[in-house]
């Protein structure tokens, strides 16, 4: 039993560390559940659908506009300010982290 547990640990720890290493530092520790909740609560997809049509996903990765995790977070902050959403900095980060996970996949 002990040998099996040690083998599992040896196999899984590098994977977990690698997954964390791939997450941009700006998003480490972000509350992804909160980010997803805020995206739904503020109807972000509906706004994006109105702007670009379809399911709204065409708004992600416009030609050269958002090229880093920091710029992604900045765009979420821009929406927060322009739409007067009242999100706190950690909430902005949580939303940006979810967008990164689901659409952008920046690793640094």
N, C-alpha and C. Protein backbone atom coordinates (compact mmCIF):
# COMPACT_ATOMS: atom_id res chain seq x y z
N UNK A 1 0.83 -1.19 0.00
CA UNK A 1 0.00 0.00 0.00
C UNK A 1 0.87 1.26 0.00
N UNK A 2 1.88 1.25 0.84
CA UNK A 2 2.76 2.41 0.93
C UNK A 2 3.47 2.67 -0.39
N UNK A 3 3.92 1.58 -1.05
CA UNK A 3 4.63 1.71 -2.32
C UNK A 3 3.71 2.29 -3.39
N UNK A 4 2.44 1.89 -3.40
CA UNK A 4 1.46 2.40 -4.35
C UNK A 4 1.23 3.89 -4.13
N UNK A 5 1.11 4.31 -2.88
CA UNK A 5 0.90 5.71 -2.57
C UNK A 5 2.09 6.54 -3.01
N UNK A 6 3.29 6.05 -2.76
CA UNK A 6 4.51 6.77 -3.15
C UNK A 6 4.59 6.86 -4.67
N UNK A 7 4.26 5.78 -5.37
CA UNK A 7 4.29 5.80 -6.84
C UNK A 7 3.29 6.81 -7.39
N UNK A 8 2.10 6.84 -6.82
CA UNK A 8 1.07 7.80 -7.24
C UNK A 8 1.57 9.22 -7.03
N UNK A 9 2.18 9.47 -5.88
CA UNK A 9 2.70 10.80 -5.56
C UNK A 9 3.77 11.20 -6.57
N UNK A 10 4.68 10.29 -6.87
CA UNK A 10 5.78 10.58 -7.80
C UNK A 10 5.24 10.88 -9.20
N UNK A 11 4.19 10.17 -9.59
CA UNK A 11 3.60 10.40 -10.91
C UNK A 11 2.77 11.67 -10.98
N UNK A 12 2.08 12.03 -9.91
CA UNK A 12 1.14 13.15 -9.94
C UNK A 12 1.76 14.49 -9.62
N UNK A 13 2.72 14.54 -8.74
CA UNK A 13 3.28 15.83 -8.33
C UNK A 13 3.86 16.61 -9.51
N UNK A 14 4.64 16.00 -10.40
CA UNK A 14 5.14 16.79 -11.54
C UNK A 14 4.02 17.35 -12.40
N UNK A 15 2.93 16.58 -12.57
CA UNK A 15 1.79 17.06 -13.36
C UNK A 15 1.16 18.28 -12.71
N UNK A 16 0.96 18.24 -11.41
CA UNK A 16 0.36 19.36 -10.68
C UNK A 16 1.28 20.57 -10.75
N UNK A 17 2.57 20.37 -10.54
CA UNK A 17 3.51 21.48 -10.60
C UNK A 17 3.57 22.06 -12.00
N UNK A 18 3.52 21.21 -13.01
CA UNK A 18 3.53 21.68 -14.39
C UNK A 18 2.29 22.50 -14.69
N UNK A 19 1.13 22.06 -14.21
CA UNK A 19 -0.12 22.81 -14.43
C UNK A 19 -0.04 24.17 -13.78
N UNK A 20 0.54 24.24 -12.59
CA UNK A 20 0.68 25.53 -11.92
C UNK A 20 1.68 26.42 -12.64
N UNK A 21 2.73 25.82 -13.17
CA UNK A 21 3.75 26.59 -13.87
C UNK A 21 3.20 27.19 -15.16
N UNK A 22 2.21 26.52 -15.76
CA UNK A 22 1.63 27.01 -17.00
C UNK A 22 0.65 28.14 -16.77
N UNK A 23 0.21 28.33 -15.57
CA UNK A 23 -0.73 29.40 -15.25
C UNK A 23 0.06 30.70 -15.07
N UNK A 24 -0.35 31.77 -15.73
CA UNK A 24 0.36 33.03 -15.55
C UNK A 24 0.35 33.45 -14.08
N UNK A 25 1.44 34.03 -13.64
CA UNK A 25 1.58 34.46 -12.25
C UNK A 25 0.44 35.39 -11.83
N UNK A 26 -0.02 36.22 -12.75
CA UNK A 26 -1.08 37.18 -12.43
C UNK A 26 -2.38 36.48 -12.04
N UNK A 27 -2.57 35.23 -12.48
CA UNK A 27 -3.81 34.50 -12.20
C UNK A 27 -3.65 33.44 -11.10
N UNK A 28 -2.46 33.24 -10.59
CA UNK A 28 -2.27 32.23 -9.55
C UNK A 28 -3.07 32.60 -8.31
N UNK A 29 -3.81 31.64 -7.83
CA UNK A 29 -4.65 31.85 -6.65
C UNK A 29 -5.99 32.48 -6.95
N UNK A 30 -6.28 32.76 -8.22
CA UNK A 30 -7.57 33.36 -8.57
C UNK A 30 -8.70 32.38 -8.29
N UNK A 31 -9.81 32.90 -7.87
CA UNK A 31 -11.00 32.10 -7.55
C UNK A 31 -11.79 31.87 -8.84
N UNK A 32 -11.55 30.74 -9.49
CA UNK A 32 -12.18 30.46 -10.78
C UNK A 32 -13.69 30.30 -10.67
N UNK A 33 -14.14 29.74 -9.58
CA UNK A 33 -15.59 29.60 -9.38
C UNK A 33 -16.24 30.98 -9.29
N UNK A 34 -15.61 31.88 -8.56
CA UNK A 34 -16.13 33.25 -8.46
C UNK A 34 -16.11 33.93 -9.83
N UNK A 35 -15.02 33.75 -10.57
CA UNK A 35 -14.92 34.35 -11.90
C UNK A 35 -16.04 33.89 -12.82
N UNK A 36 -16.31 32.59 -12.82
CA UNK A 36 -17.39 32.05 -13.65
C UNK A 36 -18.74 32.59 -13.20
N UNK A 37 -18.92 32.69 -11.89
CA UNK A 37 -20.18 33.23 -11.35
C UNK A 37 -20.36 34.68 -11.78
N UNK A 38 -19.30 35.47 -11.72
CA UNK A 38 -19.39 36.89 -12.10
C UNK A 38 -19.65 37.05 -13.60
N UNK A 39 -19.03 36.19 -14.42
CA UNK A 39 -19.30 36.24 -15.86
C UNK A 39 -20.78 36.01 -16.14
N UNK A 40 -21.37 35.06 -15.45
CA UNK A 40 -22.80 34.77 -15.63
C UNK A 40 -23.66 35.88 -15.05
N UNK A 41 -23.33 36.31 -13.86
CA UNK A 41 -24.12 37.33 -13.16
C UNK A 41 -24.18 38.65 -13.93
N UNK A 42 -23.07 39.04 -14.54
CA UNK A 42 -23.01 40.31 -15.26
C UNK A 42 -23.34 40.15 -16.75
N UNK A 43 -23.71 38.93 -17.13
CA UNK A 43 -24.15 38.64 -18.50
C UNK A 43 -23.13 39.09 -19.55
N UNK A 44 -21.87 38.77 -19.29
CA UNK A 44 -20.80 39.16 -20.20
C UNK A 44 -21.01 38.58 -21.60
N UNK A 45 -21.44 37.32 -21.68
CA UNK A 45 -21.64 36.68 -22.98
C UNK A 45 -22.73 37.39 -23.78
N UNK A 46 -23.77 37.86 -23.11
CA UNK A 46 -24.85 38.57 -23.80
C UNK A 46 -24.32 39.86 -24.42
N UNK A 47 -23.52 40.59 -23.67
CA UNK A 47 -22.92 41.83 -24.18
C UNK A 47 -22.02 41.53 -25.39
N UNK A 48 -21.21 40.46 -25.28
CA UNK A 48 -20.33 40.10 -26.38
C UNK A 48 -21.13 39.66 -27.60
N UNK A 49 -22.24 38.97 -27.41
CA UNK A 49 -23.09 38.56 -28.52
C UNK A 49 -23.65 39.79 -29.23
N UNK A 50 -24.03 40.81 -28.47
CA UNK A 50 -24.56 42.04 -29.07
C UNK A 50 -23.49 42.77 -29.87
N UNK A 51 -22.25 42.68 -29.42
CA UNK A 51 -21.16 43.38 -30.10
C UNK A 51 -20.68 42.68 -31.36
N UNK A 52 -20.58 41.34 -31.31
CA UNK A 52 -19.97 40.62 -32.43
C UNK A 52 -20.88 39.58 -33.08
N UNK A 53 -22.06 39.35 -32.51
CA UNK A 53 -22.97 38.37 -33.06
C UNK A 53 -22.64 36.94 -32.68
N UNK A 54 -23.42 36.03 -33.18
CA UNK A 54 -23.22 34.61 -32.88
C UNK A 54 -23.28 34.33 -31.40
N UNK A 55 -22.38 33.47 -30.95
CA UNK A 55 -22.35 33.13 -29.53
C UNK A 55 -21.47 34.09 -28.73
N UNK A 56 -20.91 35.09 -29.40
CA UNK A 56 -20.09 36.10 -28.72
C UNK A 56 -18.63 35.73 -28.61
N UNK A 57 -18.27 34.50 -28.96
CA UNK A 57 -16.88 34.08 -28.79
C UNK A 57 -15.92 34.74 -29.76
N UNK A 58 -16.42 35.34 -30.84
CA UNK A 58 -15.55 36.02 -31.79
C UNK A 58 -14.87 37.24 -31.17
N UNK A 59 -15.35 37.68 -30.03
CA UNK A 59 -14.74 38.83 -29.37
C UNK A 59 -13.38 38.47 -28.78
N UNK A 60 -13.14 37.17 -28.56
CA UNK A 60 -11.88 36.73 -28.00
C UNK A 60 -10.82 36.66 -29.08
N UNK A 61 -9.67 37.11 -28.75
CA UNK A 61 -8.50 37.11 -29.63
C UNK A 61 -8.72 37.94 -30.91
N UNK A 62 -9.19 39.16 -30.77
CA UNK A 62 -9.26 40.00 -31.97
C UNK A 62 -7.85 40.24 -32.48
N UNK A 63 -7.70 40.47 -33.74
CA UNK A 63 -6.39 40.57 -34.39
C UNK A 63 -5.39 41.41 -33.60
N UNK A 64 -4.52 40.73 -32.89
CA UNK A 64 -3.41 41.39 -32.21
C UNK A 64 -3.74 42.21 -30.99
N UNK A 65 -4.97 42.22 -30.56
CA UNK A 65 -5.37 43.13 -29.49
C UNK A 65 -4.93 42.69 -28.10
N UNK A 66 -5.13 41.43 -27.77
CA UNK A 66 -4.78 40.94 -26.45
C UNK A 66 -3.72 39.85 -26.62
N UNK A 67 -2.49 40.17 -26.23
CA UNK A 67 -1.38 39.27 -26.47
C UNK A 67 -0.72 38.74 -25.21
N UNK A 68 -1.28 39.05 -24.04
CA UNK A 68 -0.67 38.58 -22.80
C UNK A 68 -1.72 38.51 -21.70
N UNK A 69 -1.38 37.80 -20.64
CA UNK A 69 -2.29 37.69 -19.50
C UNK A 69 -2.55 39.06 -18.88
N UNK A 70 -1.53 39.89 -18.82
CA UNK A 70 -1.70 41.23 -18.27
C UNK A 70 -2.66 42.08 -19.09
N UNK A 71 -2.56 41.98 -20.41
CA UNK A 71 -3.48 42.73 -21.28
C UNK A 71 -4.91 42.19 -21.16
N UNK A 72 -5.04 40.89 -20.98
CA UNK A 72 -6.36 40.30 -20.78
C UNK A 72 -6.99 40.84 -19.50
N UNK A 73 -6.22 40.86 -18.42
CA UNK A 73 -6.74 41.39 -17.17
C UNK A 73 -7.10 42.86 -17.33
N UNK A 74 -6.28 43.60 -18.08
CA UNK A 74 -6.55 45.00 -18.34
C UNK A 74 -7.84 45.21 -19.12
N UNK A 75 -8.14 44.31 -20.05
CA UNK A 75 -9.38 44.42 -20.81
C UNK A 75 -10.58 44.16 -19.92
N UNK A 76 -10.46 43.20 -19.01
CA UNK A 76 -11.55 42.95 -18.07
C UNK A 76 -11.74 44.17 -17.17
N UNK A 77 -10.65 44.77 -16.75
CA UNK A 77 -10.75 45.99 -15.94
C UNK A 77 -11.41 47.11 -16.74
N UNK A 78 -11.09 47.18 -18.03
CA UNK A 78 -11.72 48.19 -18.90
C UNK A 78 -13.24 47.99 -18.95
N UNK A 79 -13.67 46.75 -19.13
CA UNK A 79 -15.11 46.46 -19.12
C UNK A 79 -15.71 46.83 -17.77
N UNK A 80 -15.02 46.50 -16.71
CA UNK A 80 -15.48 46.81 -15.36
C UNK A 80 -15.71 48.31 -15.20
N UNK A 81 -14.77 49.09 -15.69
CA UNK A 81 -14.86 50.55 -15.56
C UNK A 81 -15.93 51.12 -16.49
N UNK A 82 -15.88 50.73 -17.75
CA UNK A 82 -16.81 51.28 -18.75
C UNK A 82 -18.26 50.94 -18.43
N UNK A 83 -18.49 49.76 -17.92
CA UNK A 83 -19.85 49.31 -17.63
C UNK A 83 -20.25 49.54 -16.18
N UNK A 84 -19.34 50.15 -15.42
CA UNK A 84 -19.60 50.45 -14.01
C UNK A 84 -20.09 49.22 -13.24
N UNK A 85 -19.34 48.11 -13.39
CA UNK A 85 -19.73 46.85 -12.77
C UNK A 85 -19.43 46.80 -11.28
N UNK A 86 -18.48 47.60 -10.84
CA UNK A 86 -18.15 47.64 -9.42
C UNK A 86 -17.37 46.43 -8.92
N UNK A 87 -16.63 45.77 -9.81
CA UNK A 87 -15.84 44.62 -9.40
C UNK A 87 -14.59 45.07 -8.65
N UNK A 88 -14.25 44.32 -7.62
CA UNK A 88 -13.02 44.55 -6.88
C UNK A 88 -11.85 43.95 -7.67
N UNK A 89 -10.62 44.39 -7.40
CA UNK A 89 -9.47 43.88 -8.14
C UNK A 89 -9.36 42.35 -8.17
N UNK A 90 -9.64 41.69 -7.05
CA UNK A 90 -9.55 40.23 -7.04
C UNK A 90 -10.66 39.61 -7.89
N UNK A 91 -11.78 40.28 -8.02
CA UNK A 91 -12.87 39.79 -8.86
C UNK A 91 -12.51 39.95 -10.34
N UNK A 92 -11.89 41.07 -10.69
CA UNK A 92 -11.43 41.29 -12.06
C UNK A 92 -10.44 40.19 -12.43
N UNK A 93 -9.52 39.91 -11.52
CA UNK A 93 -8.53 38.86 -11.76
C UNK A 93 -9.21 37.50 -11.92
N UNK A 94 -10.21 37.22 -11.11
CA UNK A 94 -10.93 35.95 -11.20
C UNK A 94 -11.62 35.80 -12.56
N UNK A 95 -12.26 36.85 -13.02
CA UNK A 95 -12.92 36.82 -14.33
C UNK A 95 -11.89 36.61 -15.44
N UNK A 96 -10.79 37.36 -15.39
CA UNK A 96 -9.74 37.22 -16.40
C UNK A 96 -9.14 35.83 -16.37
N UNK A 97 -8.99 35.25 -15.20
CA UNK A 97 -8.42 33.89 -15.08
C UNK A 97 -9.34 32.87 -15.75
N UNK A 98 -10.64 33.03 -15.60
CA UNK A 98 -11.60 32.12 -16.25
C UNK A 98 -11.52 32.30 -17.77
N UNK A 99 -11.46 33.53 -18.23
CA UNK A 99 -11.35 33.78 -19.67
C UNK A 99 -10.05 33.18 -20.21
N UNK A 100 -8.99 33.30 -19.44
CA UNK A 100 -7.72 32.71 -19.86
C UNK A 100 -7.84 31.19 -19.94
N UNK A 101 -8.45 30.60 -18.94
CA UNK A 101 -8.61 29.14 -18.91
C UNK A 101 -9.46 28.66 -20.09
N UNK A 102 -10.53 29.38 -20.40
CA UNK A 102 -11.50 28.91 -21.38
C UNK A 102 -11.22 29.36 -22.82
N UNK A 103 -10.49 30.47 -23.00
CA UNK A 103 -10.33 31.01 -24.36
C UNK A 103 -8.90 31.34 -24.75
N UNK A 104 -8.13 31.92 -23.88
CA UNK A 104 -6.83 32.46 -24.27
C UNK A 104 -5.67 31.49 -24.04
N UNK A 105 -5.64 30.89 -22.88
CA UNK A 105 -4.60 29.91 -22.52
C UNK A 105 -3.18 30.48 -22.53
N UNK A 106 -3.02 31.70 -22.04
CA UNK A 106 -1.67 32.25 -21.86
C UNK A 106 -0.98 31.45 -20.77
N UNK A 107 0.28 31.19 -20.96
CA UNK A 107 1.01 30.40 -19.96
C UNK A 107 1.98 31.25 -19.15
N UNK A 108 2.15 32.49 -19.50
CA UNK A 108 3.03 33.38 -18.73
C UNK A 108 2.38 34.72 -18.56
